[in-house]
Amino acid sequence: MKFNCTIRMDNDAFTYNPALEVSRILKKLATDLEQDHDKGSDMHDGYLRDTNGNKVGYYIVEEDEY
């Protein structure tokens, strides 16, 4: 199994401090994954949004290919 995540950093939310915005996005994802797991279901994919609400990325959990 693998976790793939892509974040595009070419919009205004990343202008001031790109690392801070990426950190915020990943922290939110981690919190959302934890809360979803606690509810008894698992999120296997979804969109990532910047502080302005724009879709800037995607994540997916995939089975290994053999």
PDB file of N, CA and C in Angstrom:
ATOM      1  N   MET A   1       0.848  -1.169   0.000  1.00  0.00           N
ATOM      2  CA  MET A   1       0.000   0.000   0.000  1.00  0.00           C
ATOM      3  C   MET A   1       0.897   1.237   0.000  1.00  0.00           C
ATOM      4  N   LYS A   2       0.424   2.296  -0.655  1.00  0.00           N
ATOM      5  CA  LYS A   2       1.202   3.538  -0.657  1.00  0.00           C
ATOM      6  C   LYS A   2       0.277   4.743  -0.592  1.00  0.00           C
ATOM      7  N   PHE A   3       0.828   5.830  -0.115  1.00  0.00           N
ATOM      8  CA  PHE A   3       0.119   7.098   0.011  1.00  0.00           C
ATOM      9  C   PHE A   3       0.771   8.078  -0.958  1.00  0.00           C
ATOM     10  N   ASN A   4      -0.014   8.612  -1.892  1.00  0.00           N
ATOM     11  CA  ASN A   4       0.485   9.612  -2.839  1.00  0.00           C
ATOM     12  C   ASN A   4      -0.229  10.934  -2.587  1.00  0.00           C
ATOM     13  N   CYS A   5       0.558  12.005  -2.621  1.00  0.00           N
ATOM     14  CA  CYS A   5       0.009  13.333  -2.382  1.00  0.00           C
ATOM     15  C   CYS A   5       0.705  14.321  -3.313  1.00  0.00           C
ATOM     16  N   THR A   6      -0.099  15.155  -3.964  1.00  0.00           N
ATOM     17  CA  THR A   6       0.440  16.198  -4.836  1.00  0.00           C
ATOM     18  C   THR A   6      -0.184  17.526  -4.428  1.00  0.00           C
ATOM     19  N   ILE A   7       0.670  18.552  -4.293  1.00  0.00           N
ATOM     20  CA  ILE A   7       0.185  19.898  -3.979  1.00  0.00           C
ATOM     21  C   ILE A   7       0.813  20.864  -4.969  1.00  0.00           C
ATOM     22  N   ARG A   8      -0.023  21.600  -5.684  1.00  0.00           N
ATOM     23  CA  ARG A   8       0.457  22.638  -6.603  1.00  0.00           C
ATOM     24  C   ARG A   8       0.584  23.941  -5.815  1.00  0.00           C
ATOM     25  N   MET A   9       1.745  24.573  -5.930  1.00  0.00           N
ATOM     26  CA  MET A   9       2.044  25.750  -5.122  1.00  0.00           C
ATOM     27  C   MET A   9       2.170  27.026  -5.968  1.00  0.00           C
ATOM     28  N   ASP A  10       1.361  27.127  -7.008  1.00  0.00           N
ATOM     29  CA  ASP A  10       1.504  28.256  -7.920  1.00  0.00           C
ATOM     30  C   ASP A  10       0.357  29.264  -7.830  1.00  0.00           C
ATOM     31  N   ASN A  11      -0.188  29.427  -6.618  1.00  0.00           N
ATOM     32  CA  ASN A  11      -1.235  30.445  -6.471  1.00  0.00           C
ATOM     33  C   ASN A  11      -0.930  31.355  -5.276  1.00  0.00           C
ATOM     34  N   ASP A  12      -1.810  32.311  -5.036  1.00  0.00           N
ATOM     35  CA  ASP A  12      -1.566  33.360  -4.041  1.00  0.00           C
ATOM     36  C   ASP A  12      -1.360  32.858  -2.615  1.00  0.00           C
ATOM     37  N   ALA A  13      -1.970  31.750  -2.257  1.00  0.00           N
ATOM     38  CA  ALA A  13      -1.861  31.253  -0.882  1.00  0.00           C
ATOM     39  C   ALA A  13      -0.419  30.876  -0.520  1.00  0.00           C
ATOM     40  N   PHE A  14       0.405  30.627  -1.519  1.00  0.00           N
ATOM     41  CA  PHE A  14       1.788  30.213  -1.285  1.00  0.00           C
ATOM     42  C   PHE A  14       2.793  31.347  -1.460  1.00  0.00           C
ATOM     43  N   THR A  15       2.318  32.558  -1.721  1.00  0.00           N
ATOM     44  CA  THR A  15       3.206  33.690  -1.990  1.00  0.00           C
ATOM     45  C   THR A  15       4.001  34.114  -0.764  1.00  0.00           C
ATOM     46  N   TYR A  16       3.332  34.302   0.360  1.00  0.00           N
ATOM     47  CA  TYR A  16       3.989  34.829   1.557  1.00  0.00           C
ATOM     48  C   TYR A  16       4.974  33.838   2.160  1.00  0.00           C
ATOM     49  N   ASN A  17       4.504  32.647   2.464  1.00  0.00           N
ATOM     50  CA  ASN A  17       5.359  31.635   3.081  1.00  0.00           C
ATOM     51  C   ASN A  17       4.898  30.255   2.606  1.00  0.00           C
ATOM     52  N   PRO A  18       5.469  29.760   1.512  1.00  0.00           N
ATOM     53  CA  PRO A  18       5.027  28.486   0.938  1.00  0.00           C
ATOM     54  C   PRO A  18       5.087  27.317   1.917  1.00  0.00           C
ATOM     55  N   ALA A  19       6.148  27.232   2.696  1.00  0.00           N
ATOM     56  CA  ALA A  19       6.291  26.116   3.643  1.00  0.00           C
ATOM     57  C   ALA A  19       5.192  26.142   4.695  1.00  0.00           C
ATOM     58  N   LEU A  20       4.821  27.323   5.145  1.00  0.00           N
ATOM     59  CA  LEU A  20       3.767  27.460   6.145  1.00  0.00           C
ATOM     60  C   LEU A  20       2.425  26.996   5.596  1.00  0.00           C
ATOM     61  N   GLU A  21       2.135  27.336   4.350  1.00  0.00           N
ATOM     62  CA  GLU A  21       0.866  26.924   3.737  1.00  0.00           C
ATOM     63  C   GLU A  21       0.832  25.403   3.528  1.00  0.00           C
ATOM     64  N   VAL A  22       1.930  24.820   3.078  1.00  0.00           N
ATOM     65  CA  VAL A  22       1.992  23.363   2.926  1.00  0.00           C
ATOM     66  C   VAL A  22       1.804  22.697   4.281  1.00  0.00           C
ATOM     67  N   SER A  23       2.447  23.222   5.293  1.00  0.00           N
ATOM     68  CA  SER A  23       2.316  22.689   6.642  1.00  0.00           C
ATOM     69  C   SER A  23       0.861  22.734   7.106  1.00  0.00           C
ATOM     70  N   ARG A  24       0.186  23.839   6.863  1.00  0.00           N
ATOM     71  CA  ARG A  24      -1.213  23.986   7.259  1.00  0.00           C
ATOM     72  C   ARG A  24      -2.084  22.951   6.552  1.00  0.00           C
ATOM     73  N   ILE A  25      -1.863  22.767   5.259  1.00  0.00           N
ATOM     74  CA  ILE A  25      -2.644  21.810   4.469  1.00  0.00           C
ATOM     75  C   ILE A  25      -2.430  20.388   4.991  1.00  0.00           C
ATOM     76  N   LEU A  26      -1.171  20.022   5.249  1.00  0.00           N
ATOM     77  CA  LEU A  26      -0.871  18.666   5.709  1.00  0.00           C
ATOM     78  C   LEU A  26      -1.383  18.416   7.127  1.00  0.00           C
ATOM     79  N   LYS A  27      -1.332  19.436   7.982  1.00  0.00           N
ATOM     80  CA  LYS A  27      -1.883  19.285   9.338  1.00  0.00           C
ATOM     81  C   LYS A  27      -3.395  19.056   9.271  1.00  0.00           C
ATOM     82  N   LYS A  28      -4.077  19.804   8.411  1.00  0.00           N
ATOM     83  CA  LYS A  28      -5.518  19.623   8.259  1.00  0.00           C
ATOM     84  C   LYS A  28      -5.822  18.227   7.735  1.00  0.00           C
ATOM     85  N   LEU A  29      -5.047  17.765   6.770  1.00  0.00           N
ATOM     86  CA  LEU A  29      -5.251  16.416   6.238  1.00  0.00           C
ATOM     87  C   LEU A  29      -5.067  15.380   7.340  1.00  0.00           C
ATOM     88  N   ALA A  30      -4.004  15.527   8.136  1.00  0.00           N
ATOM     89  CA  ALA A  30      -3.751  14.578   9.221  1.00  0.00           C
ATOM     90  C   ALA A  30      -4.916  14.564  10.210  1.00  0.00           C
ATOM     91  N   THR A  31      -5.417  15.725  10.570  1.00  0.00           N
ATOM     92  CA  THR A  31      -6.554  15.816  11.494  1.00  0.00           C
ATOM     93  C   THR A  31      -7.793  15.170  10.885  1.00  0.00           C
ATOM     94  N   ASP A  32      -8.061  15.457   9.621  1.00  0.00           N
ATOM     95  CA  ASP A  32      -9.234  14.886   8.952  1.00  0.00           C
ATOM     96  C   ASP A  32      -9.139  13.362   8.880  1.00  0.00           C
ATOM     97  N   LEU A  33      -7.958  12.832   8.566  1.00  0.00           N
ATOM     98  CA  LEU A  33      -7.769  11.382   8.498  1.00  0.00           C
ATOM     99  C   LEU A  33      -8.004  10.739   9.863  1.00  0.00           C
ATOM    100  N   GLU A  34      -7.475  11.373  10.905  1.00  0.00           N
ATOM    101  CA  GLU A  34      -7.659  10.863  12.268  1.00  0.00           C
ATOM    102  C   GLU A  34      -9.130  10.849  12.666  1.00  0.00           C
ATOM    103  N   GLN A  35      -9.817  11.948  12.435  1.00  0.00           N
ATOM    104  CA  GLN A  35     -11.226  12.058  12.812  1.00  0.00           C
ATOM    105  C   GLN A  35     -12.073  11.068  12.034  1.00  0.00           C
ATOM    106  N   ASP A  36     -11.772  10.880  10.757  1.00  0.00           N
ATOM    107  CA  ASP A  36     -12.519   9.945   9.930  1.00  0.00           C
ATOM    108  C   ASP A  36     -12.308   8.519  10.433  1.00  0.00           C
ATOM    109  N   HIS A  37     -11.089   8.191  10.786  1.00  0.00           N
ATOM    110  CA  HIS A  37     -10.778   6.861  11.310  1.00  0.00           C
ATOM    111  C   HIS A  37     -11.522   6.619  12.621  1.00  0.00           C
ATOM    112  N   ASP A  38     -11.559   7.627  13.476  1.00  0.00           N
ATOM    113  CA  ASP A  38     -12.255   7.510  14.758  1.00  0.00           C
ATOM    114  C   ASP A  38     -13.750   7.268  14.578  1.00  0.00           C
ATOM    115  N   LYS A  39     -14.305   7.721  13.453  1.00  0.00           N
ATOM    116  CA  LYS A  39     -15.730   7.522  13.167  1.00  0.00           C
ATOM    117  C   LYS A  39     -16.000   6.140  12.569  1.00  0.00           C
ATOM    118  N   GLY A  40     -14.933   5.379  12.302  1.00  0.00           N
ATOM    119  CA  GLY A  40     -15.109   4.022  11.795  1.00  0.00           C
ATOM    120  C   GLY A  40     -15.004   3.864  10.301  1.00  0.00           C
ATOM    121  N   SER A  41     -14.640   4.912   9.600  1.00  0.00           N
ATOM    122  CA  SER A  41     -14.440   4.785   8.157  1.00  0.00           C
ATOM    123  C   SER A  41     -13.058   5.331   7.806  1.00  0.00           C
ATOM    124  N   ASP A  42     -12.595   4.975   6.649  1.00  0.00           N
ATOM    125  CA  ASP A  42     -11.264   5.425   6.212  1.00  0.00           C
ATOM    126  C   ASP A  42     -11.374   6.194   4.905  1.00  0.00           C
ATOM    127  N   MET A  43     -10.784   7.375   4.881  1.00  0.00           N
ATOM    128  CA  MET A  43     -10.733   8.180   3.672  1.00  0.00           C
ATOM    129  C   MET A  43      -9.583   7.664   2.818  1.00  0.00           C
ATOM    130  N   HIS A  44      -9.866   7.280   1.590  1.00  0.00           N
ATOM    131  CA  HIS A  44      -8.821   6.739   0.727  1.00  0.00           C
ATOM    132  C   HIS A  44      -8.336   7.730  -0.322  1.00  0.00           C
ATOM    133  N   ASP A  45      -9.069   8.809  -0.505  1.00  0.00           N
ATOM    134  CA  ASP A  45      -8.627   9.837  -1.439  1.00  0.00           C
ATOM    135  C   ASP A  45      -9.422  11.110  -1.199  1.00  0.00           C
ATOM    136  N   GLY A  46      -8.891  12.205  -1.703  1.00  0.00           N
ATOM    137  CA  GLY A  46      -9.595  13.465  -1.555  1.00  0.00           C
ATOM    138  C   GLY A  46      -8.793  14.637  -2.060  1.00  0.00           C
ATOM    139  N   TYR A  47      -9.460  15.768  -2.162  1.00  0.00           N
ATOM    140  CA  TYR A  47      -8.820  17.003  -2.602  1.00  0.00           C
ATOM    141  C   TYR A  47      -8.235  17.748  -1.424  1.00  0.00           C
ATOM    142  N   LEU A  48      -7.206  18.520  -1.690  1.00  0.00           N
ATOM    143  CA  LEU A  48      -6.575  19.380  -0.696  1.00  0.00           C
ATOM    144  C   LEU A  48      -6.848  20.820  -1.103  1.00  0.00           C
ATOM    145  N   ARG A  49      -7.143  21.660  -0.117  1.00  0.00           N
ATOM    146  CA  ARG A  49      -7.484  23.058  -0.401  1.00  0.00           C
ATOM    147  C   ARG A  49      -6.546  24.002   0.339  1.00  0.00           C
ATOM    148  N   ASP A  50      -6.259  25.132  -0.304  1.00  0.00           N
ATOM    149  CA  ASP A  50      -5.422  26.136   0.336  1.00  0.00           C
ATOM    150  C   ASP A  50      -6.266  26.986   1.285  1.00  0.00           C
ATOM    151  N   THR A  51      -5.628  27.949   1.911  1.00  0.00           N
ATOM    152  CA  THR A  51      -6.313  28.793   2.895  1.00  0.00           C
ATOM    153  C   THR A  51      -7.424  29.637   2.267  1.00  0.00           C
ATOM    154  N   ASN A  52      -7.378  29.817   0.946  1.00  0.00           N
ATOM    155  CA  ASN A  52      -8.420  30.564   0.241  1.00  0.00           C
ATOM    156  C   ASN A  52      -9.558  29.674  -0.236  1.00  0.00           C
ATOM    157  N   GLY A  53      -9.448  28.373   0.013  1.00  0.00           N
ATOM    158  CA  GLY A  53     -10.501  27.445  -0.381  1.00  0.00           C
ATOM    159  C   GLY A  53     -10.336  26.843  -1.755  1.00  0.00           C
ATOM    160  N   ASN A  54      -9.237  27.171  -2.430  1.00  0.00           N
ATOM    161  CA  ASN A  54      -8.998  26.646  -3.774  1.00  0.00           C
ATOM    162  C   ASN A  54      -8.442  25.222  -3.715  1.00  0.00           C
ATOM    163  N   LYS A  55      -8.860  24.365  -4.662  1.00  0.00           N
ATOM    164  CA  LYS A  55      -8.282  23.033  -4.773  1.00  0.00           C
ATOM    165  C   LYS A  55      -6.842  23.177  -5.263  1.00  0.00           C
ATOM    166  N   VAL A  56      -5.906  22.673  -4.480  1.00  0.00           N
ATOM    167  CA  VAL A  56      -4.495  22.786  -4.859  1.00  0.00           C
ATOM    168  C   VAL A  56      -3.807  21.425  -4.910  1.00  0.00           C
ATOM    169  N   GLY A  57      -4.528  20.379  -4.551  1.00  0.00           N
ATOM    170  CA  GLY A  57      -3.887  19.076  -4.559  1.00  0.00           C
ATOM    171  C   GLY A  57      -4.854  17.944  -4.377  1.00  0.00           C
ATOM    172  N   TYR A  58      -4.257  16.766  -4.318  1.00  0.00           N
ATOM    173  CA  TYR A  58      -5.018  15.536  -4.217  1.00  0.00           C
ATOM    174  C   TYR A  58      -4.183  14.506  -3.487  1.00  0.00           C
ATOM    175  N   TYR A  59      -4.846  13.647  -2.720  1.00  0.00           N
ATOM    176  CA  TYR A  59      -4.138  12.526  -2.097  1.00  0.00           C
ATOM    177  C   TYR A  59      -4.919  11.256  -2.361  1.00  0.00           C
ATOM    178  N   ILE A  60      -4.206  10.132  -2.359  1.00  0.00           N
ATOM    179  CA  ILE A  60      -4.838   8.843  -2.571  1.00  0.00           C
ATOM    180  C   ILE A  60      -4.023   7.752  -1.887  1.00  0.00           C
ATOM    181  N   VAL A  61      -4.715   6.804  -1.309  1.00  0.00           N
ATOM    182  CA  VAL A  61      -4.088   5.608  -0.765  1.00  0.00           C
ATOM    183  C   VAL A  61      -4.351   4.492  -1.762  1.00  0.00           C
ATOM    184  N   GLU A  62      -3.273   3.869  -2.235  1.00  0.00           N
ATOM    185  CA  GLU A  62      -3.399   2.860  -3.286  1.00  0.00           C
ATOM    186  C   GLU A  62      -2.778   1.534  -2.836  1.00  0.00           C
ATOM    187  N   GLU A  63      -3.346   0.479  -3.350  1.00  0.00           N
ATOM    188  CA  GLU A  63      -2.766  -0.842  -3.137  1.00  0.00           C
ATOM    189  C   GLU A  63      -1.523  -0.975  -4.016  1.00  0.00           C
ATOM    190  N   ASP A  64      -0.552  -1.742  -3.546  1.00  0.00           N
ATOM    191  CA  ASP A  64       0.647  -1.994  -4.346  1.00  0.00           C
ATOM    192  C   ASP A  64       0.290  -2.812  -5.588  1.00  0.00           C
ATOM    193  N   GLU A  65       0.991  -2.522  -6.662  1.00  0.00           N
ATOM    194  CA  GLU A  65       0.807  -3.275  -7.901  1.00  0.00           C
ATOM    195  C   GLU A  65       1.914  -4.311  -8.006  1.00  0.00           C
ATOM    196  N   TYR A  66       1.548  -5.494  -8.372  1.00  0.00           N
ATOM    197  CA  TYR A  66       2.555  -6.549  -8.550  1.00  0.00           C
ATOM    198  C   TYR A  66       2.478  -7.122  -9.932  1.00  0.00           C
TER     199      TYR A  66
END
